[in-house]
Amino acid sequence: MSRWLEVGTDNYVLTTEGSKLNTGLIIGTERAMVIDTGCGPRQGREILDAVREKTQLPLVVVNTHAHYDHFFGNAVFAEDGATEFWAHENCAEEIGENGDAQRPAVVELEPEMAAGEGENVELVVPNALVRDKPVLVDLGGQTATLFYLGRGHTDGDLLVGTTTTLYAGDLVEQGAHPSFEDAFPEEWADALRHLSALRHRYEFLIPGHGEPCSDRFVRTMADTMSTAVRQARQSIRDTPSDATKAIPVLPYGPEQSRWFIKRLQETRPQH
């Protein structure tokens, strides 16, 4: 467990081992907001204990999207008294309908969570929903803005902004290739451009995994993805019977490229 890094007044980020998840913490005068809860009760407890070293205030939770490492720790926070769990409506729907299907992913890190046996292994589905309009959450002396820039890493990526800091979830990933299993590659590039245009408002940008990011990093990630879309589309046109021929030309690893092509074929942007 690493230490809290301060990213703006009363804004912090904690990186946990294993999935290298970045958990955000925003402390107001009346409540504090925790952004992403880890991949099960053990990691959730680590995060909660670290939060409690910083503040004893009542907690509000945000899940940035419906991947297990961002919401499997929710039950630990519910036990601690949190009743308000925020997410985009698509994220909440995905957790409610398919969250259990992700349990096998944590069999090594969190065997109890994988088996669904033990304390705090139930899924807590977000109950405070963000749709297309931004939502302001007053923490007392500090307001967090929850907003959605469209489909990207998933169809329910939520961003959290304060006066100094933007917590971007896995819409921005640093230190590893992006994960495309549930992605909308063309729209993701658009969302990153939109994000880059907002970047001047924030001193710090915190990705879901990795180090705080510069605006240049976000723009490069967007440009790389747009280029990959063009390359893959061309390759699919050239060899429609074997789209995997695009894999060597794409700027990602073989596994990510395979998913990238699959998702590109499955998803068509809605304009």
C-alpha atoms as a PDB file:
ATOM      1  CA  MET A   1       0.000   0.000   0.000  1.00  0.00           C
ATOM      2  CA  SER A   2       1.489   3.311  -1.016  1.00  0.00           C
ATOM      3  CA  ARG A   3       1.004   6.585   0.809  1.00  0.00           C
ATOM      4  CA  TRP A   4      -1.560   9.220  -0.034  1.00  0.00           C
ATOM      5  CA  LEU A   5      -0.382  11.695  -2.639  1.00  0.00           C
ATOM      6  CA  GLU A   6      -1.873  15.170  -2.292  1.00  0.00           C
ATOM      7  CA  VAL A   7      -3.202  16.442  -5.628  1.00  0.00           C
ATOM      8  CA  GLY A   8      -4.778  19.773  -4.761  1.00  0.00           C
ATOM      9  CA  THR A   9      -6.097  21.047  -1.436  1.00  0.00           C
ATOM     10  CA  ASP A  10      -8.005  18.240   0.310  1.00  0.00           C
ATOM     11  CA  ASN A  11      -7.711  16.090  -2.845  1.00  0.00           C
ATOM     12  CA  TYR A  12      -5.702  12.888  -2.608  1.00  0.00           C
ATOM     13  CA  VAL A  13      -4.897   9.728  -4.538  1.00  0.00           C
ATOM     14  CA  LEU A  14      -3.889   6.332  -3.138  1.00  0.00           C
ATOM     15  CA  THR A  15      -2.420   3.560  -5.296  1.00  0.00           C
ATOM     16  CA  THR A  16      -3.042   0.017  -4.088  1.00  0.00           C
ATOM     17  CA  GLU A  17      -0.872  -2.976  -4.938  1.00  0.00           C
ATOM     18  CA  GLY A  18      -2.054  -5.679  -7.286  1.00  0.00           C
ATOM     19  CA  SER A  19      -4.110  -3.840  -9.864  1.00  0.00           C
ATOM     20  CA  LYS A  20      -2.298  -0.535  -9.178  1.00  0.00           C
ATOM     21  CA  LEU A  21      -5.706   1.047  -8.767  1.00  0.00           C
ATOM     22  CA  ASN A  22      -5.823   4.774  -8.067  1.00  0.00           C
ATOM     23  CA  THR A  23      -8.434   5.551  -5.421  1.00  0.00           C
ATOM     24  CA  GLY A  24      -9.401   9.206  -5.098  1.00  0.00           C
ATOM     25  CA  LEU A  25     -10.312  10.981  -1.855  1.00  0.00           C
ATOM     26  CA  ILE A  26     -11.926  14.417  -1.668  1.00  0.00           C
ATOM     27  CA  ILE A  27     -12.409  15.809   1.835  1.00  0.00           C
ATOM     28  CA  GLY A  28     -15.044  18.445   2.569  1.00  0.00           C
ATOM     29  CA  THR A  29     -16.081  19.871   5.921  1.00  0.00           C
ATOM     30  CA  GLU A  30     -19.157  17.637   6.229  1.00  0.00           C
ATOM     31  CA  ARG A  31     -18.465  14.570   4.084  1.00  0.00           C
ATOM     32  CA  ALA A  32     -15.658  12.943   2.150  1.00  0.00           C
ATOM     33  CA  MET A  33     -15.877  11.239  -1.243  1.00  0.00           C
ATOM     34  CA  VAL A  34     -14.054   8.007  -2.074  1.00  0.00           C
ATOM     35  CA  ILE A  35     -13.568   7.255  -5.780  1.00  0.00           C
ATOM     36  CA  ASP A  36     -13.279   3.507  -6.552  1.00  0.00           C
ATOM     37  CA  THR A  37     -13.154   0.829  -3.862  1.00  0.00           C
ATOM     38  CA  GLY A  38     -10.893  -1.998  -5.029  1.00  0.00           C
ATOM     39  CA  CYS A  39     -11.388  -5.588  -6.090  1.00  0.00           C
ATOM     40  CA  GLY A  40     -12.872  -7.141  -2.962  1.00  0.00           C
ATOM     41  CA  PRO A  41     -13.154  -6.980   0.823  1.00  0.00           C
ATOM     42  CA  ARG A  42      -9.429  -7.260   1.511  1.00  0.00           C
ATOM     43  CA  GLN A  43      -8.451  -4.415  -0.799  1.00  0.00           C
ATOM     44  CA  GLY A  44     -11.573  -2.467   0.145  1.00  0.00           C
ATOM     45  CA  ARG A  45     -10.563  -2.724   3.815  1.00  0.00           C
ATOM     46  CA  GLU A  46      -7.032  -1.512   3.014  1.00  0.00           C
ATOM     47  CA  ILE A  47      -8.474   1.485   1.218  1.00  0.00           C
ATOM     48  CA  LEU A  48     -10.997   2.216   3.979  1.00  0.00           C
ATOM     49  CA  ASP A  49      -8.313   1.987   6.689  1.00  0.00           C
ATOM     50  CA  ALA A  50      -6.158   4.442   4.720  1.00  0.00           C
ATOM     51  CA  VAL A  51      -9.158   6.775   4.285  1.00  0.00           C
ATOM     52  CA  ARG A  52      -9.857   6.608   8.024  1.00  0.00           C
ATOM     53  CA  GLU A  53      -6.293   7.717   8.760  1.00  0.00           C
ATOM     54  CA  LYS A  54      -7.130  10.888   6.814  1.00  0.00           C
ATOM     55  CA  THR A  55     -10.702  11.599   7.904  1.00  0.00           C
ATOM     56  CA  GLN A  56     -13.490  10.359  10.160  1.00  0.00           C
ATOM     57  CA  LEU A  57     -16.213  12.117   8.141  1.00  0.00           C
ATOM     58  CA  PRO A  58     -19.191  10.223   6.663  1.00  0.00           C
ATOM     59  CA  LEU A  59     -18.294   8.831   3.259  1.00  0.00           C
ATOM     60  CA  VAL A  60     -19.868   9.077  -0.188  1.00  0.00           C
ATOM     61  CA  VAL A  61     -18.642   6.542  -2.764  1.00  0.00           C
ATOM     62  CA  VAL A  62     -18.199   6.886  -6.534  1.00  0.00           C
ATOM     63  CA  ASN A  63     -17.611   3.968  -8.904  1.00  0.00           C
ATOM     64  CA  THR A  64     -16.077   5.317 -12.111  1.00  0.00           C
ATOM     65  CA  HIS A  65     -17.155   2.280 -14.157  1.00  0.00           C
ATOM     66  CA  ALA A  66     -18.300  -1.330 -13.922  1.00  0.00           C
ATOM     67  CA  HIS A  67     -14.986  -3.203 -13.812  1.00  0.00           C
ATOM     68  CA  TYR A  68     -14.379  -5.356 -10.732  1.00  0.00           C
ATOM     69  CA  ASP A  69     -11.311  -3.494  -9.416  1.00  0.00           C
ATOM     70  CA  HIS A  70     -13.383  -0.317  -9.138  1.00  0.00           C
ATOM     71  CA  PHE A  71     -16.490  -1.575  -7.302  1.00  0.00           C
ATOM     72  CA  PHE A  72     -15.914  -4.983  -5.658  1.00  0.00           C
ATOM     73  CA  GLY A  73     -14.896  -3.200  -2.433  1.00  0.00           C
ATOM     74  CA  ASN A  74     -18.232  -1.365  -2.085  1.00  0.00           C
ATOM     75  CA  ALA A  75     -19.622  -3.626   0.647  1.00  0.00           C
ATOM     76  CA  VAL A  76     -16.782  -2.653   3.007  1.00  0.00           C
ATOM     77  CA  PHE A  77     -17.829   0.987   2.670  1.00  0.00           C
ATOM     78  CA  ALA A  78     -21.506   0.138   3.105  1.00  0.00           C
ATOM     79  CA  GLU A  79     -20.611  -1.623   6.360  1.00  0.00           C
ATOM     80  CA  ASP A  80     -18.766   1.532   7.426  1.00  0.00           C
ATOM     81  CA  GLY A  81     -21.995   3.497   6.955  1.00  0.00           C
ATOM     82  CA  ALA A  82     -21.855   4.756   3.368  1.00  0.00           C
ATOM     83  CA  THR A  83     -25.336   4.829   1.831  1.00  0.00           C
ATOM     84  CA  GLU A  84     -24.726   6.970  -1.258  1.00  0.00           C
ATOM     85  CA  PHE A  85     -22.974   5.124  -4.089  1.00  0.00           C
ATOM     86  CA  TRP A  86     -22.662   7.188  -7.274  1.00  0.00           C
ATOM     87  CA  ALA A  87     -22.169   5.916 -10.815  1.00  0.00           C
ATOM     88  CA  HIS A  88     -23.325   6.524 -14.358  1.00  0.00           C
ATOM     89  CA  GLU A  89     -26.633   4.778 -15.000  1.00  0.00           C
ATOM     90  CA  ASN A  90     -25.030   2.398 -17.537  1.00  0.00           C
ATOM     91  CA  CYS A  91     -22.420   1.405 -14.967  1.00  0.00           C
ATOM     92  CA  ALA A  92     -25.040   0.709 -12.280  1.00  0.00           C
ATOM     93  CA  GLU A  93     -27.082  -1.354 -14.731  1.00  0.00           C
ATOM     94  CA  GLU A  94     -24.033  -3.395 -15.729  1.00  0.00           C
ATOM     95  CA  ILE A  95     -23.084  -4.067 -12.093  1.00  0.00           C
ATOM     96  CA  GLY A  96     -26.650  -5.090 -11.269  1.00  0.00           C
ATOM     97  CA  GLU A  97     -27.055  -7.394 -14.256  1.00  0.00           C
ATOM     98  CA  ASN A  98     -23.562  -8.804 -14.815  1.00  0.00           C
ATOM     99  CA  GLY A  99     -21.407  -7.932 -11.801  1.00  0.00           C
ATOM    100  CA  ASP A 100     -21.346 -11.512 -10.515  1.00  0.00           C
ATOM    101  CA  ALA A 101     -19.861 -12.705 -13.813  1.00  0.00           C
ATOM    102  CA  GLN A 102     -16.651 -10.805 -12.963  1.00  0.00           C
ATOM    103  CA  ARG A 103     -16.009 -12.739  -9.734  1.00  0.00           C
ATOM    104  CA  PRO A 104     -13.636 -15.286 -11.358  1.00  0.00           C
ATOM    105  CA  ALA A 105     -11.280 -12.408 -12.253  1.00  0.00           C
ATOM    106  CA  VAL A 106     -10.269 -11.996  -8.596  1.00  0.00           C
ATOM    107  CA  VAL A 107      -9.786 -15.673  -7.691  1.00  0.00           C
ATOM    108  CA  GLU A 108      -6.106 -15.128  -6.841  1.00  0.00           C
ATOM    109  CA  LEU A 109      -6.300 -11.657  -5.264  1.00  0.00           C
ATOM    110  CA  GLU A 110      -9.577 -12.100  -3.389  1.00  0.00           C
ATOM    111  CA  PRO A 111     -10.605 -15.797  -3.212  1.00  0.00           C
ATOM    112  CA  GLU A 112     -13.575 -15.081  -0.896  1.00  0.00           C
ATOM    113  CA  MET A 113     -14.904 -12.467  -3.293  1.00  0.00           C
ATOM    114  CA  ALA A 114     -14.482 -14.884  -6.200  1.00  0.00           C
ATOM    115  CA  ALA A 115     -16.420 -17.570  -4.330  1.00  0.00           C
ATOM    116  CA  GLY A 116     -19.007 -15.124  -2.998  1.00  0.00           C
ATOM    117  CA  GLU A 117     -18.442 -16.510   0.509  1.00  0.00           C
ATOM    118  CA  GLY A 118     -17.392 -14.583   3.599  1.00  0.00           C
ATOM    119  CA  GLU A 119     -17.852 -11.051   4.891  1.00  0.00           C
ATOM    120  CA  ASN A 120     -18.530  -8.086   2.617  1.00  0.00           C
ATOM    121  CA  VAL A 121     -18.533 -10.135  -0.585  1.00  0.00           C
ATOM    122  CA  GLU A 122     -22.002  -9.068  -1.753  1.00  0.00           C
ATOM    123  CA  LEU A 123     -22.245  -6.633  -4.651  1.00  0.00           C
ATOM    124  CA  VAL A 124     -23.426  -3.162  -3.708  1.00  0.00           C
ATOM    125  CA  VAL A 125     -25.043  -1.675  -6.803  1.00  0.00           C
ATOM    126  CA  PRO A 126     -24.749   2.124  -7.085  1.00  0.00           C
ATOM    127  CA  ASN A 127     -28.005   3.835  -6.097  1.00  0.00           C
ATOM    128  CA  ALA A 128     -27.231   7.472  -6.961  1.00  0.00           C
ATOM    129  CA  LEU A 129     -27.206   7.805 -10.727  1.00  0.00           C
ATOM    130  CA  VAL A 130     -25.663  10.265 -13.159  1.00  0.00           C
ATOM    131  CA  ARG A 131     -27.197  10.430 -16.618  1.00  0.00           C
ATOM    132  CA  ASP A 132     -26.216  12.919 -19.317  1.00  0.00           C
ATOM    133  CA  LYS A 133     -26.221  16.061 -17.171  1.00  0.00           C
ATOM    134  CA  PRO A 134     -23.447  16.792 -14.641  1.00  0.00           C
ATOM    135  CA  VAL A 135     -24.309  16.322 -10.972  1.00  0.00           C
ATOM    136  CA  LEU A 136     -22.851  18.488  -8.214  1.00  0.00           C
ATOM    137  CA  VAL A 137     -22.212  16.742  -4.899  1.00  0.00           C
ATOM    138  CA  ASP A 138     -21.710  19.136  -1.985  1.00  0.00           C
ATOM    139  CA  LEU A 139     -19.212  17.799   0.543  1.00  0.00           C
ATOM    140  CA  GLY A 140     -19.209  21.001   2.604  1.00  0.00           C
ATOM    141  CA  GLY A 141     -16.758  23.699   1.480  1.00  0.00           C
ATOM    142  CA  GLN A 142     -15.871  21.534  -1.498  1.00  0.00           C
ATOM    143  CA  THR A 143     -18.035  20.454  -4.430  1.00  0.00           C
ATOM    144  CA  ALA A 144     -17.383  17.452  -6.633  1.00  0.00           C
ATOM    145  CA  THR A 145     -18.795  17.527 -10.165  1.00  0.00           C
ATOM    146  CA  LEU A 146     -19.732  14.110 -11.554  1.00  0.00           C
ATOM    147  CA  PHE A 147     -20.029  14.056 -15.329  1.00  0.00           C
ATOM    148  CA  TYR A 148     -20.105  11.826 -18.406  1.00  0.00           C
ATOM    149  CA  LEU A 149     -18.334  12.404 -21.730  1.00  0.00           C
ATOM    150  CA  GLY A 150     -19.912   9.496 -23.608  1.00  0.00           C
ATOM    151  CA  ARG A 151     -18.823   5.951 -24.264  1.00  0.00           C
ATOM    152  CA  GLY A 152     -15.133   5.132 -24.110  1.00  0.00           C
ATOM    153  CA  HIS A 153     -13.359   2.530 -22.003  1.00  0.00           C
ATOM    154  CA  THR A 154     -16.898   1.285 -21.214  1.00  0.00           C
ATOM    155  CA  ASP A 155     -20.368   2.715 -21.858  1.00  0.00           C
ATOM    156  CA  GLY A 156     -20.504   4.134 -18.324  1.00  0.00           C
ATOM    157  CA  ASP A 157     -17.274   6.016 -17.564  1.00  0.00           C
ATOM    158  CA  LEU A 158     -17.839   8.681 -14.918  1.00  0.00           C
ATOM    159  CA  LEU A 159     -15.428  11.540 -14.260  1.00  0.00           C
ATOM    160  CA  VAL A 160     -15.113  13.481 -11.013  1.00  0.00           C
ATOM    161  CA  GLY A 161     -13.818  17.051 -10.995  1.00  0.00           C
ATOM    162  CA  THR A 162     -12.994  19.526  -8.221  1.00  0.00           C
ATOM    163  CA  THR A 163     -11.525  23.024  -8.449  1.00  0.00           C
ATOM    164  CA  THR A 164      -8.028  21.524  -8.727  1.00  0.00           C
ATOM    165  CA  THR A 165      -8.273  17.905  -9.746  1.00  0.00           C
ATOM    166  CA  LEU A 166      -9.902  15.644 -12.319  1.00  0.00           C
ATOM    167  CA  TYR A 167     -10.291  11.955 -11.473  1.00  0.00           C
ATOM    168  CA  ALA A 168     -10.683  10.318 -14.893  1.00  0.00           C
ATOM    169  CA  GLY A 169     -11.077   6.624 -14.067  1.00  0.00           C
ATOM    170  CA  ASP A 170      -9.948   4.265 -16.824  1.00  0.00           C
ATOM    171  CA  LEU A 171     -10.941   6.703 -19.542  1.00  0.00           C
ATOM    172  CA  VAL A 172      -7.262   7.581 -19.073  1.00  0.00           C
ATOM    173  CA  GLU A 173      -4.793   4.755 -18.424  1.00  0.00           C
ATOM    174  CA  GLN A 174      -1.097   5.408 -17.857  1.00  0.00           C
ATOM    175  CA  GLY A 175       1.806   2.980 -17.664  1.00  0.00           C
ATOM    176  CA  ALA A 176       0.136   0.191 -19.667  1.00  0.00           C
ATOM    177  CA  HIS A 177      -1.777  -0.255 -22.907  1.00  0.00           C
ATOM    178  CA  PRO A 178      -5.496   0.667 -22.701  1.00  0.00           C
ATOM    179  CA  SER A 179      -7.937  -2.201 -22.099  1.00  0.00           C
ATOM    180  CA  PHE A 180     -10.487  -2.588 -24.887  1.00  0.00           C
ATOM    181  CA  GLU A 181     -12.644  -5.556 -23.766  1.00  0.00           C
ATOM    182  CA  ASP A 182     -15.730  -3.379 -23.206  1.00  0.00           C
ATOM    183  CA  ALA A 183     -14.558  -0.340 -25.154  1.00  0.00           C
ATOM    184  CA  PHE A 184     -15.952   1.804 -27.945  1.00  0.00           C
ATOM    185  CA  PRO A 185     -12.641   2.703 -29.638  1.00  0.00           C
ATOM    186  CA  GLU A 186     -13.839   5.477 -31.967  1.00  0.00           C
ATOM    187  CA  GLU A 187     -15.933   7.152 -29.296  1.00  0.00           C
ATOM    188  CA  TRP A 188     -13.170   6.710 -26.729  1.00  0.00           C
ATOM    189  CA  ALA A 189     -10.846   8.823 -28.889  1.00  0.00           C
ATOM    190  CA  ASP A 190     -13.587  11.502 -29.078  1.00  0.00           C
ATOM    191  CA  ALA A 191     -14.079  11.418 -25.293  1.00  0.00           C
ATOM    192  CA  LEU A 192     -10.327  11.884 -24.781  1.00  0.00           C
ATOM    193  CA  ARG A 193     -10.360  14.919 -27.088  1.00  0.00           C
ATOM    194  CA  HIS A 194     -13.260  16.360 -25.121  1.00  0.00           C
ATOM    195  CA  LEU A 195     -11.322  15.672 -21.921  1.00  0.00           C
ATOM    196  CA  SER A 196      -8.237  17.397 -23.321  1.00  0.00           C
ATOM    197  CA  ALA A 197     -10.329  20.487 -24.075  1.00  0.00           C
ATOM    198  CA  LEU A 198     -11.355  20.640 -20.386  1.00  0.00           C
ATOM    199  CA  ARG A 199      -7.844  20.074 -19.118  1.00  0.00           C
ATOM    200  CA  HIS A 200      -7.059  23.779 -18.525  1.00  0.00           C
ATOM    201  CA  ARG A 201      -9.603  23.794 -15.695  1.00  0.00           C
ATOM    202  CA  TYR A 202      -7.628  21.337 -13.611  1.00  0.00           C
ATOM    203  CA  GLU A 203      -4.130  21.376 -12.168  1.00  0.00           C
ATOM    204  CA  PHE A 204      -4.026  17.571 -11.763  1.00  0.00           C
ATOM    205  CA  LEU A 205      -5.421  14.711 -13.841  1.00  0.00           C
ATOM    206  CA  ILE A 206      -5.557  11.332 -12.110  1.00  0.00           C
ATOM    207  CA  PRO A 207      -5.968   8.231 -14.295  1.00  0.00           C
ATOM    208  CA  GLY A 208      -7.605   5.029 -13.074  1.00  0.00           C
ATOM    209  CA  HIS A 209      -4.183   3.373 -13.013  1.00  0.00           C
ATOM    210  CA  GLY A 210      -0.692   4.900 -13.234  1.00  0.00           C
ATOM    211  CA  GLU A 211       0.831   8.295 -12.563  1.00  0.00           C
ATOM    212  CA  PRO A 212      -0.901  11.703 -12.745  1.00  0.00           C
ATOM    213  CA  CYS A 213      -1.077  12.761 -16.419  1.00  0.00           C
ATOM    214  CA  SER A 214      -0.297  15.823 -18.462  1.00  0.00           C
ATOM    215  CA  ASP A 215      -2.557  17.255 -21.129  1.00  0.00           C
ATOM    216  CA  ARG A 216      -0.024  16.118 -23.720  1.00  0.00           C
ATOM    217  CA  PHE A 217      -0.437  12.534 -22.505  1.00  0.00           C
ATOM    218  CA  VAL A 218      -4.224  12.708 -22.974  1.00  0.00           C
ATOM    219  CA  ARG A 219      -3.907  14.224 -26.453  1.00  0.00           C
ATOM    220  CA  THR A 220      -1.343  11.599 -27.464  1.00  0.00           C
ATOM    221  CA  MET A 221      -3.585   8.823 -26.174  1.00  0.00           C
ATOM    222  CA  ALA A 222      -6.449  10.250 -28.280  1.00  0.00           C
ATOM    223  CA  ASP A 223      -4.312  10.652 -31.412  1.00  0.00           C
ATOM    224  CA  THR A 224      -2.850   7.151 -31.046  1.00  0.00           C
ATOM    225  CA  MET A 225      -6.342   5.687 -30.754  1.00  0.00           C
ATOM    226  CA  SER A 226      -7.633   7.596 -33.786  1.00  0.00           C
ATOM    227  CA  THR A 227      -4.648   6.415 -35.812  1.00  0.00           C
ATOM    228  CA  ALA A 228      -5.252   2.832 -34.675  1.00  0.00           C
ATOM    229  CA  VAL A 229      -8.909   3.113 -35.741  1.00  0.00           C
ATOM    230  CA  ARG A 230      -7.857   4.215 -39.229  1.00  0.00           C
ATOM    231  CA  GLN A 231      -5.197   1.505 -39.513  1.00  0.00           C
ATOM    232  CA  ALA A 232      -7.556  -1.235 -38.349  1.00  0.00           C
ATOM    233  CA  ARG A 233     -10.406  -0.067 -40.588  1.00  0.00           C
ATOM    234  CA  GLN A 234      -8.070  -0.082 -43.593  1.00  0.00           C
ATOM    235  CA  SER A 235      -6.802  -3.539 -42.743  1.00  0.00           C
ATOM    236  CA  ILE A 236     -10.363  -4.849 -42.288  1.00  0.00           C
ATOM    237  CA  ARG A 237     -11.233  -3.429 -45.735  1.00  0.00           C
ATOM    238  CA  ASP A 238      -8.114  -4.982 -47.284  1.00  0.00           C
ATOM    239  CA  THR A 239      -8.571  -8.420 -45.736  1.00  0.00           C
ATOM    240  CA  PRO A 240     -12.179  -8.694 -44.524  1.00  0.00           C
ATOM    241  CA  SER A 241     -11.812 -12.446 -44.030  1.00  0.00           C
ATOM    242  CA  ASP A 242      -8.952 -12.009 -41.550  1.00  0.00           C
ATOM    243  CA  ALA A 243      -9.071  -8.812 -39.496  1.00  0.00           C
ATOM    244  CA  THR A 244      -6.260 -10.110 -37.283  1.00  0.00           C
ATOM    245  CA  LYS A 245      -3.802  -9.099 -40.037  1.00  0.00           C
ATOM    246  CA  ALA A 246      -4.119  -5.608 -38.528  1.00  0.00           C
ATOM    247  CA  ILE A 247      -2.561  -6.716 -35.236  1.00  0.00           C
ATOM    248  CA  PRO A 248       1.117  -6.114 -36.146  1.00  0.00           C
ATOM    249  CA  VAL A 249       0.477  -2.551 -37.360  1.00  0.00           C
ATOM    250  CA  LEU A 250      -1.493  -1.382 -34.323  1.00  0.00           C
ATOM    251  CA  PRO A 251       0.269   0.640 -31.602  1.00  0.00           C
ATOM    252  CA  TYR A 252      -0.833  -1.729 -28.810  1.00  0.00           C
ATOM    253  CA  GLY A 253       0.207  -5.154 -27.544  1.00  0.00           C
ATOM    254  CA  PRO A 254      -1.091  -8.261 -29.393  1.00  0.00           C
ATOM    255  CA  GLU A 255      -3.782  -8.998 -26.787  1.00  0.00           C
ATOM    256  CA  GLN A 256      -5.048  -5.399 -26.667  1.00  0.00           C
ATOM    257  CA  SER A 257      -4.948  -5.207 -30.479  1.00  0.00           C
ATOM    258  CA  ARG A 258      -7.062  -8.341 -30.756  1.00  0.00           C
ATOM    259  CA  TRP A 259      -9.698  -6.813 -28.470  1.00  0.00           C
ATOM    260  CA  PHE A 260      -9.408  -3.466 -30.245  1.00  0.00           C
ATOM    261  CA  ILE A 261     -10.278  -5.043 -33.612  1.00  0.00           C
ATOM    262  CA  LYS A 262     -13.075  -7.134 -32.100  1.00  0.00           C
ATOM    263  CA  ARG A 263     -14.668  -4.109 -30.446  1.00  0.00           C
ATOM    264  CA  LEU A 264     -14.213  -1.966 -33.549  1.00  0.00           C
ATOM    265  CA  GLN A 265     -16.169  -4.548 -35.529  1.00  0.00           C
ATOM    266  CA  GLU A 266     -18.861  -4.861 -32.843  1.00  0.00           C
ATOM    267  CA  THR A 267     -19.398  -1.158 -32.215  1.00  0.00           C
ATOM    268  CA  ARG A 268     -20.419   1.551 -34.594  1.00  0.00           C
ATOM    269  CA  PRO A 269     -20.482   5.089 -33.255  1.00  0.00           C
ATOM    270  CA  GLN A 270     -23.878   6.716 -32.965  1.00  0.00           C
ATOM    271  CA  HIS A 271     -23.745  10.134 -34.580  1.00  0.00           C
END
